[in-house]
């Protein structure tokens, strides 16, 4: 759709350029440049929406993993008092296995 509009716009510029005044040509160039900037902004917005969807998905997976790890710890009825503070911190930070 955008390509068709751009082609039509370019064709109109080419036809209109034959009998355009210098101010018309400048106005056309300003409008074309603004359209190009707007297209780039729309492309960036689409990329950010995709990135946000991926981050939402990662957040959901992270919560699921955290819940599963917590359930495993509860089910194992671990002797947490026997663990060093460093080991407990590593488990919380997801840097060590919660249950073996």
Protein backbone atom coordinates (compact mmCIF):
# COMPACT_ATOMS: atom_id res chain seq x y z
CA UNK A 1 0.00 0.00 0.00
CA UNK A 2 2.72 2.45 0.97
CA UNK A 3 4.70 1.47 -2.10
CA UNK A 4 1.72 2.15 -4.36
CA UNK A 5 1.21 5.56 -2.74
CA UNK A 6 4.90 6.35 -3.10
CA UNK A 7 4.91 5.34 -6.79
CA UNK A 8 1.77 7.40 -7.45
CA UNK A 9 3.30 10.34 -5.60
CA UNK A 10 6.56 10.05 -7.55
CA UNK A 11 4.61 9.90 -10.80
CA UNK A 12 2.62 12.97 -9.84
CA UNK A 13 5.82 14.78 -9.00
CA UNK A 14 7.34 13.85 -12.34
CA UNK A 15 4.32 15.06 -14.27
CA UNK A 16 3.90 18.13 -12.14
CA UNK A 17 7.55 19.06 -12.34
CA UNK A 18 7.21 19.90 -16.03
CA UNK A 19 5.27 23.11 -15.41
CA UNK A 20 6.07 23.80 -11.74
CA UNK A 21 7.36 27.01 -10.32
CA UNK A 22 10.46 26.95 -8.12
CA UNK A 23 8.28 27.35 -5.03
CA UNK A 24 6.10 24.40 -6.13
CA UNK A 25 9.22 22.29 -6.58
CA UNK A 26 10.51 23.26 -3.13
CA UNK A 27 7.11 22.53 -1.57
CA UNK A 28 7.05 19.12 -3.26
CA UNK A 29 10.54 18.34 -1.98
CA UNK A 30 9.57 19.40 1.57
CA UNK A 31 6.47 17.20 1.45
CA UNK A 32 8.41 14.23 0.06
CA UNK A 33 11.09 14.58 2.74
CA UNK A 34 8.43 14.75 5.46
CA UNK A 35 6.78 11.62 4.03
CA UNK A 36 10.13 9.82 4.10
CA UNK A 37 10.71 10.81 7.73
CA UNK A 38 7.19 9.74 8.67
CA UNK A 39 7.70 6.37 6.94
CA UNK A 40 10.91 5.86 8.93
CA UNK A 41 9.09 6.72 12.16
CA UNK A 42 6.32 4.24 11.36
CA UNK A 43 8.91 1.55 10.64
CA UNK A 44 10.60 2.29 13.98
CA UNK A 45 7.26 2.13 15.77
CA UNK A 46 6.52 -1.27 14.21
CA UNK A 47 9.93 -2.56 15.28
CA UNK A 48 9.35 -1.29 18.83
CA UNK A 49 5.94 -2.98 18.97
CA UNK A 50 7.58 -6.27 17.92
CA UNK A 51 10.30 -5.78 20.53
CA UNK A 52 7.69 -5.04 23.21
CA UNK A 53 5.80 -8.23 22.33
CA UNK A 54 9.00 -10.24 22.63
CA UNK A 55 9.78 -8.66 26.02
CA UNK A 56 6.25 -9.41 27.24
CA UNK A 57 6.72 -13.02 26.19
CA UNK A 58 10.08 -13.24 27.97
CA UNK A 59 8.56 -11.72 31.12
CA UNK A 60 5.79 -14.29 31.10
CA UNK A 61 8.27 -17.14 30.65
CA UNK A 62 10.42 -15.73 33.48
CA UNK A 63 7.42 -15.66 35.81
CA UNK A 64 6.51 -19.23 34.83
CA UNK A 65 10.05 -20.45 35.50
CA UNK A 66 10.15 -18.66 38.85
CA UNK A 67 6.84 -20.22 39.86
CA UNK A 68 8.03 -23.68 38.79
CA UNK A 69 11.29 -23.27 40.73
CA UNK A 70 9.40 -22.11 43.83
CA UNK A 71 7.03 -25.09 43.54
CA UNK A 72 10.01 -27.45 43.23
CA UNK A 73 11.61 -25.98 46.36
CA UNK A 74 8.35 -26.36 48.28
CA UNK A 75 7.86 -29.92 47.04
CA UNK A 76 11.42 -30.91 47.94
CA UNK A 77 10.95 -29.54 51.46
CA UNK A 78 14.55 -28.31 51.38
CA UNK A 79 16.59 -27.75 54.52
CA UNK A 80 17.25 -24.12 53.69
CA UNK A 81 19.06 -23.55 56.99
CA UNK A 82 21.81 -25.88 55.76
CA UNK A 83 22.44 -23.72 52.70
CA UNK A 84 24.98 -20.91 52.81
CA UNK A 85 23.71 -17.39 52.23
CA UNK A 86 25.71 -17.28 48.98
CA UNK A 87 23.97 -20.46 47.79
CA UNK A 88 20.54 -19.05 48.68
CA UNK A 89 21.36 -15.80 46.88
CA UNK A 90 22.50 -17.75 43.80
CA UNK A 91 19.23 -19.73 43.80
CA UNK A 92 17.19 -16.51 44.04
CA UNK A 93 19.24 -14.93 41.23
CA UNK A 94 18.61 -18.02 39.05
CA UNK A 95 22.35 -18.72 38.97
CA UNK A 96 22.17 -22.08 40.75
CA UNK A 97 19.86 -25.06 40.63
CA UNK A 98 17.12 -24.82 43.22
CA UNK A 99 16.64 -28.57 43.59
CA UNK A 100 18.87 -31.44 42.62
